[in-house]
């Protein structure tokens, strides 16, 4: 049971159950119509005399009326409702449960996958394990997951900006259209920074999925857990762990004890943390700190212009800015994930078209690309430390790094073991983008345009770092090369192209070739350009002490 077979093949029973459930209701409705029709016909007349004369009874017309009503309700309304749900994917009555362990968020696909890092997690490629059949002859011997926290409320800064926009509209507007009339009395009611209940469910489902994908490997091997020490990340890791434990208990039929506490790594300067940036001076507050803002500002001015033009016709008298338009669009994803089930969509979603959300998604992708990705000279540098930790785990050798690794933690087998088969780390979207860059996953990618939407680019924040995003790094033992194991990388179930190590058609590189392709990170990259360490303000010191105290209480 130490390895997971690549030949695992499970049918998506959840989908089948849903389809058969609705098909059964339609069939029962049809049977009811037929039965009622026969009964009505039989009871509507009787043969009473010798000549077999049909005598019609007036009182039987009541039965006919009842039949007509039944036919209308059961034969027309019910099938229409069910068929509408099947065709459009939209629930007619009430909320739906939109998140599942294997596929993630599957509602409102037309726009929910266009919200950049605010999109709920969804499987980019099918999460059905039968797709692993394409790697016939391989077994997974090692799996490392790096996960973003689940869906959260807006950050404190974003919340403040949204409130300013809403206050501006309500104080300046002289009239509203029917489409925007709801804004007149709208009250912003979201929290800040913390996980939503939907986000908690996302992470629980992620833990379930991790166990299912690596079930045979997880049967005899417990994961090693490590959390970047911020509240929503810790909460996410704990929900993931519970989902993993519950699924293991369900599958094995035996109780699973609680795992040892996860290793917590403090965030921000002066703490070294490979799962959260904060110690590179030129990146945090120097010459490269404004690269993303400049790129986004240029594009925002262009893509929001037509949106502001029609908004001013719908909300008369308001002097709207590009940031106001973006804030209004952000209310769509944030109020969606504030719903416990991720459904229904808030009214703000109906204000904007699919094409406008495409531009919104691109705007947010620019922020990741030029902020933490290959578009920022020091973006990939923030992922060097984690890359070297991953190399250490893959090769079973001590960590060799002098950038963001915590030498105290990484040098202790109890806080950084090298003999595990399963690892689970929990982080943020920004640093994950840097890690993907340091891992050469964007090898050869050109810079994104800041003046028009680049339809050809594969850099899409909604697919790379949505809420509850996860990267799986696997080691494979395959029959076509028994001398050396392979490495495969997946982000949100999509197999990544490992161009830097010249991966084969199955997306695999040998461990040696993969490690060799990471020479830039192994040599420390351009970390020397960070100019660290730097002085930290007294206010920052107080905030850091407060964070340490809070984390101590949590643990």
Protein backbone atom coordinates (compact mmCIF):
# COMPACT_ATOMS: atom_id res chain seq x y z
CA UNK A 1 0.00 0.00 0.00
CA UNK A 2 3.04 2.27 -0.08
CA UNK A 3 2.45 3.43 -3.66
CA UNK A 4 -0.51 4.82 -5.48
CA UNK A 5 -1.45 3.17 -8.74
CA UNK A 6 -1.75 5.45 -11.74
CA UNK A 7 -4.43 3.10 -13.02
CA UNK A 8 -7.01 4.22 -10.42
CA UNK A 9 -10.32 4.81 -12.12
CA UNK A 10 -13.33 6.12 -10.26
CA UNK A 11 -16.54 7.26 -11.90
CA UNK A 12 -17.90 10.68 -10.97
CA UNK A 13 -20.77 9.12 -8.99
CA UNK A 14 -21.88 12.49 -7.62
CA UNK A 15 -22.69 13.74 -11.11
CA UNK A 16 -24.40 10.48 -12.06
CA UNK A 17 -26.52 10.54 -8.92
CA UNK A 18 -27.64 14.11 -9.66
CA UNK A 19 -28.58 13.23 -13.23
CA UNK A 20 -30.44 10.04 -12.30
CA UNK A 21 -32.21 11.87 -9.51
CA UNK A 22 -33.64 14.44 -11.89
CA UNK A 23 -34.37 11.84 -14.56
CA UNK A 24 -36.30 9.79 -12.01
CA UNK A 25 -38.44 12.78 -11.03
CA UNK A 26 -39.23 13.44 -14.69
CA UNK A 27 -40.21 9.78 -15.17
CA UNK A 28 -42.45 9.80 -12.10
CA UNK A 29 -44.11 12.99 -13.33
CA UNK A 30 -44.85 11.31 -16.66
CA UNK A 31 -46.26 8.20 -14.95
CA UNK A 32 -48.47 10.39 -12.76
CA UNK A 33 -49.87 12.14 -15.83
CA UNK A 34 -50.73 8.85 -17.50
CA UNK A 35 -52.33 7.40 -14.35
CA UNK A 36 -54.38 10.52 -13.72
CA UNK A 37 -55.47 10.63 -17.35
CA UNK A 38 -56.67 7.01 -17.30
CA UNK A 39 -58.51 7.49 -14.04
CA UNK A 40 -60.17 10.65 -15.31
CA UNK A 41 -61.26 8.98 -18.54
CA UNK A 42 -62.67 5.94 -16.73
CA UNK A 43 -64.49 7.93 -14.08
CA UNK A 44 -65.88 10.44 -16.54
CA UNK A 45 -68.42 8.09 -18.06
CA UNK A 46 -70.24 4.81 -17.26
CA UNK A 47 -72.14 2.12 -19.21
CA UNK A 48 -75.56 1.86 -17.51
CA UNK A 49 -78.24 0.55 -19.89
CA UNK A 50 -78.70 -2.52 -22.02
CA UNK A 51 -77.95 -0.59 -25.19
CA UNK A 52 -74.55 0.21 -23.71
CA UNK A 53 -75.45 3.88 -23.73
CA UNK A 54 -72.77 6.14 -22.25
CA UNK A 55 -74.22 8.32 -19.52
CA UNK A 56 -71.98 11.27 -18.54
CA UNK A 57 -72.01 12.40 -14.91
CA UNK A 58 -71.57 16.11 -14.20
CA UNK A 59 -69.98 15.48 -10.82
CA UNK A 60 -67.11 13.67 -12.57
CA UNK A 61 -66.08 16.98 -14.10
CA UNK A 62 -64.50 17.80 -10.75
CA UNK A 63 -62.13 14.92 -11.25
CA UNK A 64 -61.37 16.21 -14.73
CA UNK A 65 -60.56 19.67 -13.33
CA UNK A 66 -58.27 18.12 -10.74
CA UNK A 67 -56.60 16.13 -13.47
CA UNK A 68 -56.07 19.26 -15.55
CA UNK A 69 -54.49 21.03 -12.57
CA UNK A 70 -52.27 18.03 -11.84
CA UNK A 71 -51.21 17.84 -15.45
CA UNK A 72 -50.31 21.51 -15.43
CA UNK A 73 -48.32 21.33 -12.18
CA UNK A 74 -46.66 17.94 -12.51
CA UNK A 75 -46.59 17.62 -16.25
CA UNK A 76 -45.51 21.11 -17.20
CA UNK A 77 -44.09 23.19 -14.33
CA UNK A 78 -41.96 20.52 -12.61
CA UNK A 79 -40.28 19.23 -15.82
CA UNK A 80 -39.66 22.82 -16.95
CA UNK A 81 -37.97 23.68 -13.65
CA UNK A 82 -35.81 20.56 -13.69
CA UNK A 83 -34.91 20.87 -17.35
CA UNK A 84 -34.05 24.54 -16.87
CA UNK A 85 -31.64 23.57 -14.08
CA UNK A 86 -30.10 20.87 -16.23
CA UNK A 87 -29.64 23.11 -19.27
CA UNK A 88 -28.63 26.40 -17.61
CA UNK A 89 -27.02 25.11 -14.45
CA UNK A 90 -28.97 27.69 -12.43
CA UNK A 91 -31.15 26.73 -9.50
CA UNK A 92 -34.71 28.01 -9.77
CA UNK A 93 -35.57 27.69 -6.09
CA UNK A 94 -33.12 28.27 -3.25
CA UNK A 95 -29.38 27.78 -3.02
CA UNK A 96 -27.23 25.05 -4.48
CA UNK A 97 -24.13 23.45 -3.08
CA UNK A 98 -21.63 24.58 -5.68
CA UNK A 99 -18.37 23.12 -4.37
CA UNK A 100 -17.21 19.51 -4.55
CA UNK A 101 -13.92 17.82 -3.58
CA UNK A 102 -13.04 16.60 -7.07
CA UNK A 103 -14.18 19.43 -9.35
CA UNK A 104 -14.25 22.44 -7.05
CA UNK A 105 -16.70 25.26 -7.80
CA UNK A 106 -19.00 24.28 -10.66
CA UNK A 107 -21.69 27.00 -10.63
CA UNK A 108 -21.90 30.13 -12.81
CA UNK A 109 -18.90 28.97 -14.87
CA UNK A 110 -19.43 31.72 -17.43
CA UNK A 111 -18.14 34.39 -15.06
CA UNK A 112 -16.91 32.69 -11.85
CA UNK A 113 -13.72 31.67 -13.64
CA UNK A 114 -13.00 35.26 -14.61
CA UNK A 115 -12.39 36.71 -11.16
CA UNK A 116 -8.61 36.30 -11.00
CA UNK A 117 -7.36 35.35 -7.52
CA UNK A 118 -10.90 35.95 -6.18
CA UNK A 119 -12.29 33.01 -8.17
CA UNK A 120 -13.33 30.00 -6.10
CA UNK A 121 -11.13 26.98 -6.73
CA UNK A 122 -12.05 24.90 -9.77
CA UNK A 123 -10.27 22.00 -11.45
CA UNK A 124 -8.72 23.44 -14.62
CA UNK A 125 -8.42 19.94 -16.06
CA UNK A 126 -10.83 17.18 -15.12
CA UNK A 127 -10.21 15.96 -11.58
CA UNK A 128 -11.46 12.47 -12.45
CA UNK A 129 -8.62 10.10 -11.56
CA UNK A 130 -9.32 8.06 -14.68
CA UNK A 131 -7.33 10.71 -16.56
CA UNK A 132 -4.26 9.24 -14.89
CA UNK A 133 -4.62 6.27 -17.24
CA UNK A 134 -2.62 8.23 -19.80
CA UNK A 135 0.42 7.55 -17.58
CA UNK A 136 0.08 3.80 -17.82
CA UNK A 137 2.87 1.99 -16.04
CA UNK A 138 3.67 4.60 -13.39
CA UNK A 139 3.15 4.81 -9.64
CA UNK A 140 3.34 7.88 -7.42
CA UNK A 141 5.91 7.48 -4.64
CA UNK A 142 5.91 11.06 -3.27
CA UNK A 143 3.47 13.99 -3.27
CA UNK A 144 3.95 17.56 -2.05
CA UNK A 145 1.01 19.96 -2.02
CA UNK A 146 1.45 23.73 -1.73
CA UNK A 147 -1.95 25.32 -1.12
CA UNK A 148 -3.38 28.79 -0.92
CA UNK A 149 -5.86 29.54 1.86
CA UNK A 150 -9.57 29.25 1.10
CA UNK A 151 -11.96 32.02 0.10
CA UNK A 152 -11.81 35.04 2.39
CA UNK A 153 -13.44 38.38 2.90
CA UNK A 154 -11.69 41.39 1.30
CA UNK A 155 -8.54 42.59 3.01
CA UNK A 156 -8.83 45.62 5.29
CA UNK A 157 -7.45 47.90 2.60
CA UNK A 158 -9.76 46.56 -0.10
CA UNK A 159 -12.77 46.88 2.22
CA UNK A 160 -11.93 50.52 2.90
CA UNK A 161 -11.71 51.24 -0.84
CA UNK A 162 -15.05 49.54 -1.54
CA UNK A 163 -16.75 51.55 1.22
CA UNK A 164 -15.41 54.79 -0.26
CA UNK A 165 -16.89 53.88 -3.65
CA UNK A 166 -20.29 52.97 -2.17
CA UNK A 167 -20.38 56.16 -0.08
CA UNK A 168 -19.46 58.25 -3.11
CA UNK A 169 -22.29 56.76 -5.17
CA UNK A 170 -24.91 57.14 -2.45
CA UNK A 171 -23.90 60.70 -1.64
CA UNK A 172 -23.52 62.00 -5.21
CA UNK A 173 -26.14 60.10 -7.24
CA UNK A 174 -29.15 62.13 -8.30
CA UNK A 175 -30.96 59.20 -9.89
CA UNK A 176 -30.59 55.46 -10.49
CA UNK A 177 -31.73 53.26 -13.33
CA UNK A 178 -33.86 50.18 -12.70
CA UNK A 179 -30.68 48.14 -13.10
CA UNK A 180 -28.77 50.03 -10.39
CA UNK A 181 -31.62 51.03 -8.10
CA UNK A 182 -30.56 48.46 -5.47
CA UNK A 183 -27.42 50.52 -4.78
CA UNK A 184 -29.49 53.31 -3.30
CA UNK A 185 -30.03 51.35 -0.09
CA UNK A 186 -27.14 48.91 -0.32
CA UNK A 187 -25.13 48.49 2.89
CA UNK A 188 -21.67 46.98 2.76
CA UNK A 189 -21.64 44.17 5.34
CA UNK A 190 -18.61 41.96 4.68
CA UNK A 191 -15.90 41.21 7.20
CA UNK A 192 -12.19 41.60 6.52
CA UNK A 193 -9.28 39.18 5.98
CA UNK A 194 -10.83 36.09 7.62
CA UNK A 195 -11.99 32.91 5.88
CA UNK A 196 -15.64 32.75 4.91
CA UNK A 197 -17.65 29.63 5.72
CA UNK A 198 -17.50 28.83 2.01
CA UNK A 199 -13.70 29.12 2.17
CA UNK A 200 -13.62 26.73 5.10
CA UNK A 201 -15.61 24.20 3.08
CA UNK A 202 -13.24 24.68 0.13
CA UNK A 203 -10.29 23.71 2.30
CA UNK A 204 -12.09 20.75 3.87
CA UNK A 205 -12.89 19.52 0.35
CA UNK A 206 -9.25 20.05 -0.64
CA UNK A 207 -8.16 17.72 2.17
CA UNK A 208 -10.69 15.14 1.01
CA UNK A 209 -9.37 15.45 -2.55
CA UNK A 210 -5.75 15.08 -1.44
CA UNK A 211 -6.56 11.81 0.30
CA UNK A 212 -8.56 10.50 -2.66
CA UNK A 213 -5.87 11.33 -5.21
CA UNK A 214 -3.10 9.70 -3.18
CA UNK A 215 -5.21 7.15 -1.33
CA UNK A 216 -2.88 4.16 -1.59
CA UNK A 217 0.09 6.31 -0.63
CA UNK A 218 -1.82 7.96 2.22
CA UNK A 219 -3.06 4.65 3.63
CA UNK A 220 0.22 4.00 5.45
CA UNK A 221 1.76 7.47 5.37
CA UNK A 222 0.70 10.57 7.29
CA UNK A 223 1.36 13.99 5.73
CA UNK A 224 3.77 16.46 7.28
CA UNK A 225 1.95 19.78 7.72
CA UNK A 226 3.43 23.28 7.68
CA UNK A 227 1.49 26.56 7.84
CA UNK A 228 2.52 30.13 7.16
CA UNK A 229 1.42 31.70 10.42
CA UNK A 230 -1.44 33.99 9.50
CA UNK A 231 -4.93 33.38 10.85
CA UNK A 232 -6.70 32.49 7.60
CA UNK A 233 -3.80 30.28 6.50
CA UNK A 234 -3.77 28.40 9.81
CA UNK A 235 -7.55 27.98 9.66
CA UNK A 236 -7.26 26.71 6.08
CA UNK A 237 -4.61 24.17 6.99
CA UNK A 238 -6.69 22.89 9.89
CA UNK A 239 -9.78 22.48 7.70
CA UNK A 240 -7.69 20.67 5.08
CA UNK A 241 -6.31 18.35 7.75
CA UNK A 242 -9.79 17.56 9.05
CA UNK A 243 -11.02 16.79 5.55
CA UNK A 244 -8.06 14.46 5.00
CA UNK A 245 -8.67 12.68 8.33
CA UNK A 246 -12.41 12.31 7.79
CA UNK A 247 -11.96 10.89 4.29
CA UNK A 248 -9.33 8.45 5.52
CA UNK A 249 -11.64 7.33 8.32
CA UNK A 250 -14.48 6.89 5.84
CA UNK A 251 -12.38 4.90 3.37
CA UNK A 252 -10.58 2.69 5.84
CA UNK A 253 -13.45 2.20 8.24
CA UNK A 254 -11.08 2.79 11.14
CA UNK A 255 -10.73 5.85 13.38
CA UNK A 256 -7.77 8.09 12.63
CA UNK A 257 -6.11 9.88 15.51
CA UNK A 258 -5.26 13.55 15.45
CA UNK A 259 -1.93 14.43 13.85
CA UNK A 260 0.82 16.33 15.67
CA UNK A 261 0.51 20.14 15.50
CA UNK A 262 1.65 21.66 12.23
CA UNK A 263 4.87 23.63 12.07
CA UNK A 264 4.06 27.36 12.07
CA UNK A 265 6.40 29.78 10.32
CA UNK A 266 6.08 33.46 11.30
CA UNK A 267 5.37 35.99 8.54
CA UNK A 268 6.99 39.30 7.61
CA UNK A 269 10.28 40.96 8.43
CA UNK A 270 12.48 39.97 10.20
CA UNK A 271 11.32 36.33 9.98
CA UNK A 272 12.55 34.10 7.19
CA UNK A 273 9.58 32.31 5.68
CA UNK A 274 9.62 30.52 2.31
CA UNK A 275 5.81 30.62 2.15
CA UNK A 276 5.44 34.38 2.59
CA UNK A 277 7.55 37.22 1.23
CA UNK A 278 8.73 40.10 3.39
CA UNK A 279 12.52 40.23 3.74
CA UNK A 280 13.66 41.60 0.35
CA UNK A 281 14.05 45.37 0.75
CA UNK A 282 14.11 46.42 -2.92
CA UNK A 283 11.10 44.23 -3.60
CA UNK A 284 9.03 45.34 -0.62
CA UNK A 285 9.73 49.09 -0.63
CA UNK A 286 12.46 49.77 -3.17
CA UNK A 287 12.70 50.30 -6.92
CA UNK A 288 10.75 47.16 -7.84
CA UNK A 289 7.90 47.64 -5.38
CA UNK A 290 5.72 49.63 -7.80
CA UNK A 291 6.06 47.54 -10.98
CA UNK A 292 2.66 45.84 -10.62
CA UNK A 293 0.83 49.05 -9.71
CA UNK A 294 2.17 50.81 -12.81
CA UNK A 295 1.13 47.96 -15.09
CA UNK A 296 -2.35 47.70 -13.61
CA UNK A 297 -2.95 51.46 -13.61
CA UNK A 298 -2.18 51.71 -17.31
CA UNK A 299 -4.52 48.86 -18.23
CA UNK A 300 -7.27 49.95 -15.80
CA UNK A 301 -7.53 53.34 -17.47
CA UNK A 302 -8.16 51.61 -20.79
CA UNK A 303 -10.49 48.74 -19.88
CA UNK A 304 -12.70 50.68 -17.43
CA UNK A 305 -13.33 53.63 -19.77
CA UNK A 306 -16.37 52.11 -21.53
CA UNK A 307 -17.61 50.67 -18.23
CA UNK A 308 -17.51 54.11 -16.57
CA UNK A 309 -19.28 55.59 -19.58
CA UNK A 310 -22.34 53.33 -19.28
CA UNK A 311 -22.27 53.41 -15.46
CA UNK A 312 -22.63 57.18 -15.54
CA UNK A 313 -25.81 56.74 -17.59
CA UNK A 314 -27.15 54.24 -15.05
CA UNK A 315 -26.11 56.26 -11.99
CA UNK A 316 -26.55 59.95 -12.76
CA UNK A 317 -24.36 62.55 -11.10
CA UNK A 318 -21.47 60.41 -9.85
CA UNK A 319 -17.85 61.14 -10.79
CA UNK A 320 -16.57 57.57 -11.13
CA UNK A 321 -12.89 56.59 -11.42
CA UNK A 322 -11.28 53.41 -12.77
CA UNK A 323 -10.80 52.20 -9.18
CA UNK A 324 -14.49 52.76 -8.47
CA UNK A 325 -15.43 50.54 -11.41
CA UNK A 326 -13.01 47.85 -10.24
CA UNK A 327 -14.38 48.04 -6.68
CA UNK A 328 -17.93 47.53 -7.96
CA UNK A 329 -16.82 44.51 -9.99
CA UNK A 330 -15.01 43.06 -6.96
CA UNK A 331 -18.26 43.02 -5.01
CA UNK A 332 -19.44 40.24 -7.31
CA UNK A 333 -16.84 37.61 -6.30
CA UNK A 334 -16.60 38.71 -2.67
CA UNK A 335 -20.33 38.52 -2.01
CA UNK A 336 -20.48 35.22 -3.87
CA UNK A 337 -17.92 33.54 -1.62
CA UNK A 338 -19.59 35.15 1.39
CA UNK A 339 -22.57 32.86 0.71
CA UNK A 340 -22.15 29.56 2.62
CA UNK A 341 -22.74 27.55 -0.57
CA UNK A 342 -21.34 30.04 -3.10
CA UNK A 343 -24.83 30.66 -4.47
CA UNK A 344 -26.79 32.70 -5.49
CA UNK A 345 -24.86 35.44 -7.23
CA UNK A 346 -25.23 38.96 -5.83
CA UNK A 347 -26.89 41.68 -7.92
CA UNK A 348 -23.52 43.28 -8.65
CA UNK A 349 -22.67 40.34 -10.91
CA UNK A 350 -25.60 41.18 -13.19
CA UNK A 351 -24.27 44.67 -13.84
CA UNK A 352 -21.31 43.51 -15.90
CA UNK A 353 -20.92 41.42 -19.05
CA UNK A 354 -18.76 38.36 -19.53
CA UNK A 355 -16.34 40.35 -21.69
CA UNK A 356 -16.02 42.98 -18.97
CA UNK A 357 -15.17 40.27 -16.46
CA UNK A 358 -12.56 38.95 -18.89
CA UNK A 359 -10.88 42.34 -18.76
CA UNK A 360 -11.24 42.39 -14.96
CA UNK A 361 -9.56 38.98 -14.79
CA UNK A 362 -6.73 40.20 -17.01
CA UNK A 363 -6.29 43.29 -14.83
CA UNK A 364 -5.88 41.09 -11.75
CA UNK A 365 -3.54 38.74 -13.63
CA UNK A 366 -1.32 41.71 -14.47
CA UNK A 367 -1.00 42.35 -10.74
CA UNK A 368 0.35 38.84 -10.14
CA UNK A 369 2.56 38.77 -13.23
CA UNK A 370 4.26 42.11 -12.60
CA UNK A 371 4.01 41.96 -8.84
CA UNK A 372 5.29 38.48 -8.00
CA UNK A 373 5.82 36.68 -11.29
CA UNK A 374 8.29 36.86 -14.17
CA UNK A 375 7.31 40.46 -14.98
CA UNK A 376 9.03 41.72 -11.84
CA UNK A 377 12.85 41.42 -11.73
CA UNK A 378 12.69 40.36 -8.08
CA UNK A 379 9.38 38.48 -8.25
CA UNK A 380 10.84 34.98 -8.81
CA UNK A 381 13.47 35.67 -6.13
CA UNK A 382 10.76 35.48 -3.47
CA UNK A 383 10.24 31.82 -4.43
CA UNK A 384 13.89 30.70 -4.34
CA UNK A 385 13.78 29.48 -0.75
CA UNK A 386 10.77 27.23 -1.24
CA UNK A 387 12.24 25.88 -4.47
CA UNK A 388 15.37 24.80 -2.62
CA UNK A 389 13.26 23.23 0.12
CA UNK A 390 11.37 21.26 -2.52
CA UNK A 391 14.63 20.07 -4.05
CA UNK A 392 15.68 18.93 -0.59
CA UNK A 393 12.49 16.90 -0.18
CA UNK A 394 12.70 15.39 -3.65
CA UNK A 395 16.31 14.32 -3.24
CA UNK A 396 16.38 13.59 0.49
CA UNK A 397 19.33 15.93 1.02
CA UNK A 398 19.75 18.88 3.43
CA UNK A 399 18.46 22.29 2.36
CA UNK A 400 21.07 24.46 0.68
CA UNK A 401 19.80 28.03 0.62
CA UNK A 402 20.71 31.48 1.89
CA UNK A 403 17.63 33.46 0.88
CA UNK A 404 14.29 33.04 2.72
CA UNK A 405 14.70 29.68 4.43
CA UNK A 406 14.64 29.46 8.22
CA UNK A 407 17.85 27.56 8.96
CA UNK A 408 16.74 26.73 12.50
CA UNK A 409 13.55 25.02 11.33
CA UNK A 410 14.99 23.48 8.17
CA UNK A 411 17.98 22.08 10.04
CA UNK A 412 15.82 20.15 12.53
CA UNK A 413 14.35 16.79 11.37
CA UNK A 414 11.34 17.34 13.64
CA UNK A 415 10.39 20.59 11.87
CA UNK A 416 11.69 19.76 8.40
CA UNK A 417 11.82 15.96 7.92
CA UNK A 418 13.20 14.46 4.71
CA UNK A 419 11.80 10.95 5.02
CA UNK A 420 8.10 11.57 4.39
CA UNK A 421 6.04 10.51 1.40
CA UNK A 422 3.42 13.25 1.78
CA UNK A 423 3.91 16.95 2.53
CA UNK A 424 1.31 19.72 2.84
CA UNK A 425 2.27 23.41 2.99
CA UNK A 426 -0.14 26.36 3.22
CA UNK A 427 0.61 29.81 1.89
CA UNK A 428 -0.72 32.86 -0.04
CA UNK A 429 -1.39 33.54 -3.73
CA UNK A 430 1.36 36.16 -4.02
CA UNK A 431 4.20 33.98 -2.79
CA UNK A 432 2.83 30.99 -4.67
CA UNK A 433 3.14 33.03 -7.87
CA UNK A 434 6.79 33.72 -6.98
CA UNK A 435 7.37 30.03 -6.27
CA UNK A 436 5.85 29.01 -9.62
CA UNK A 437 8.20 31.49 -11.28
CA UNK A 438 11.28 30.22 -9.44
CA UNK A 439 10.30 26.67 -10.44
CA UNK A 440 10.54 27.75 -14.10
CA UNK A 441 6.87 27.01 -14.76
CA UNK A 442 6.66 30.16 -16.88
CA UNK A 443 9.84 29.38 -18.82
CA UNK A 444 10.03 31.39 -22.06
CA UNK A 445 6.83 33.37 -21.37
CA UNK A 446 6.80 36.88 -22.80
CA UNK A 447 5.71 39.91 -20.79
CA UNK A 448 1.99 40.62 -20.74
CA UNK A 449 0.66 43.64 -22.60
CA UNK A 450 -0.50 46.50 -20.37
CA UNK A 451 -2.54 48.20 -23.10
CA UNK A 452 -4.72 45.36 -24.41
CA UNK A 453 -5.95 41.96 -23.27
CA UNK A 454 -3.46 39.30 -24.37
CA UNK A 455 -5.67 36.41 -25.48
CA UNK A 456 -2.71 34.11 -26.14
CA UNK A 457 -1.03 34.26 -22.74
CA UNK A 458 -1.23 31.21 -20.49
CA UNK A 459 -0.74 33.36 -17.40
CA UNK A 460 -4.22 33.45 -15.91
CA UNK A 461 -4.55 34.23 -12.21
CA UNK A 462 -7.96 32.55 -12.03
CA UNK A 463 -6.39 29.26 -13.15
CA UNK A 464 -3.13 29.64 -11.24
CA UNK A 465 -4.00 31.11 -7.83
CA UNK A 466 -7.76 31.13 -7.15
CA UNK A 467 -8.95 30.73 -3.59
CA UNK A 468 -7.85 27.27 -2.32
CA UNK A 469 -5.45 26.88 -5.25
CA UNK A 470 -3.04 23.97 -4.97
CA UNK A 471 0.13 22.76 -6.65
CA UNK A 472 0.93 19.05 -6.58
CA UNK A 473 4.53 17.97 -7.11
CA UNK A 474 4.75 14.22 -7.65
CA UNK A 475 7.55 11.69 -7.98
CA UNK A 476 6.76 8.79 -10.28
CA UNK A 477 8.30 5.34 -10.62
CA UNK A 478 7.60 4.25 -14.19
CA UNK A 479 8.14 1.04 -16.12
CA UNK A 480 9.71 2.85 -19.08
CA UNK A 481 12.62 4.06 -16.92
CA UNK A 482 13.17 2.07 -13.73
CA UNK A 483 16.63 3.56 -13.15
CA UNK A 484 15.42 7.01 -12.14
CA UNK A 485 12.16 8.47 -10.90
CA UNK A 486 10.25 11.18 -12.73
CA UNK A 487 8.77 14.48 -11.52
CA UNK A 488 5.41 15.84 -12.57
CA UNK A 489 3.87 19.18 -11.51
CA UNK A 490 0.15 19.97 -11.51
CA UNK A 491 -1.60 23.22 -10.66
CA UNK A 492 -5.30 22.85 -9.97
CA UNK A 493 -5.32 19.44 -11.65
CA UNK A 494 -3.67 20.75 -14.82
CA UNK A 495 -0.34 19.16 -15.73
CA UNK A 496 2.22 21.91 -16.23
CA UNK A 497 4.62 22.04 -19.15
CA UNK A 498 8.12 21.61 -17.72
CA UNK A 499 9.85 23.22 -20.69
CA UNK A 500 13.03 24.05 -18.78
CA UNK A 501 13.82 20.35 -18.25
CA UNK A 502 12.40 19.28 -21.62
CA UNK A 503 9.54 17.20 -20.29
CA UNK A 504 8.18 14.33 -22.38
CA UNK A 505 4.69 14.19 -23.84
CA UNK A 506 3.40 12.91 -20.51
CA UNK A 507 4.64 16.04 -18.73
CA UNK A 508 7.47 14.19 -16.96
CA UNK A 509 11.10 15.04 -16.33
CA UNK A 510 13.53 12.80 -14.53
CA UNK A 511 14.32 13.99 -11.02
CA UNK A 512 17.88 14.77 -12.13
CA UNK A 513 16.79 16.83 -15.12
CA UNK A 514 14.21 18.68 -13.04
CA UNK A 515 16.75 19.59 -10.36
CA UNK A 516 19.28 20.64 -13.00
CA UNK A 517 16.69 22.96 -14.57
CA UNK A 518 16.50 24.83 -11.24
CA UNK A 519 20.15 25.85 -11.21
CA UNK A 520 19.22 29.55 -11.02
CA UNK A 521 17.43 29.01 -7.71
CA UNK A 522 20.10 26.63 -6.41
CA UNK A 523 22.67 29.38 -6.99
CA UNK A 524 20.58 31.93 -5.07
CA UNK A 525 19.18 33.63 -8.16
CA UNK A 526 19.34 37.42 -7.94
CA UNK A 527 18.62 37.57 -4.22
CA UNK A 528 21.72 39.74 -3.71
CA UNK A 529 19.82 42.59 -5.40
CA UNK A 530 17.38 42.69 -2.46
CA UNK A 531 19.84 44.75 -0.43
CA UNK A 532 18.62 43.18 2.81
CA UNK A 533 18.51 43.46 5.76
CA UNK A 534 16.65 46.74 6.16
CA UNK A 535 15.50 48.76 9.14
CA UNK A 536 12.01 48.11 10.40
CA UNK A 537 9.87 50.80 12.00
CA UNK A 538 8.85 50.69 15.63
CA UNK A 539 5.21 50.35 14.52
CA UNK A 540 6.13 47.24 12.52
CA UNK A 541 7.91 45.80 15.55
CA UNK A 542 4.78 46.26 17.67
CA UNK A 543 2.63 44.62 14.97
CA UNK A 544 5.02 41.68 14.81
CA UNK A 545 4.97 41.18 18.58
CA UNK A 546 1.17 41.31 18.48
CA UNK A 547 1.15 38.66 15.74
CA UNK A 548 3.46 36.38 17.72
CA UNK A 549 1.27 36.73 20.79
CA UNK A 550 -1.87 35.92 18.80
CA UNK A 551 -0.33 32.85 17.19
CA UNK A 552 0.91 31.61 20.56
CA UNK A 553 -2.64 31.79 21.91
CA UNK A 554 -3.98 29.91 18.87
CA UNK A 555 -1.53 27.07 19.30
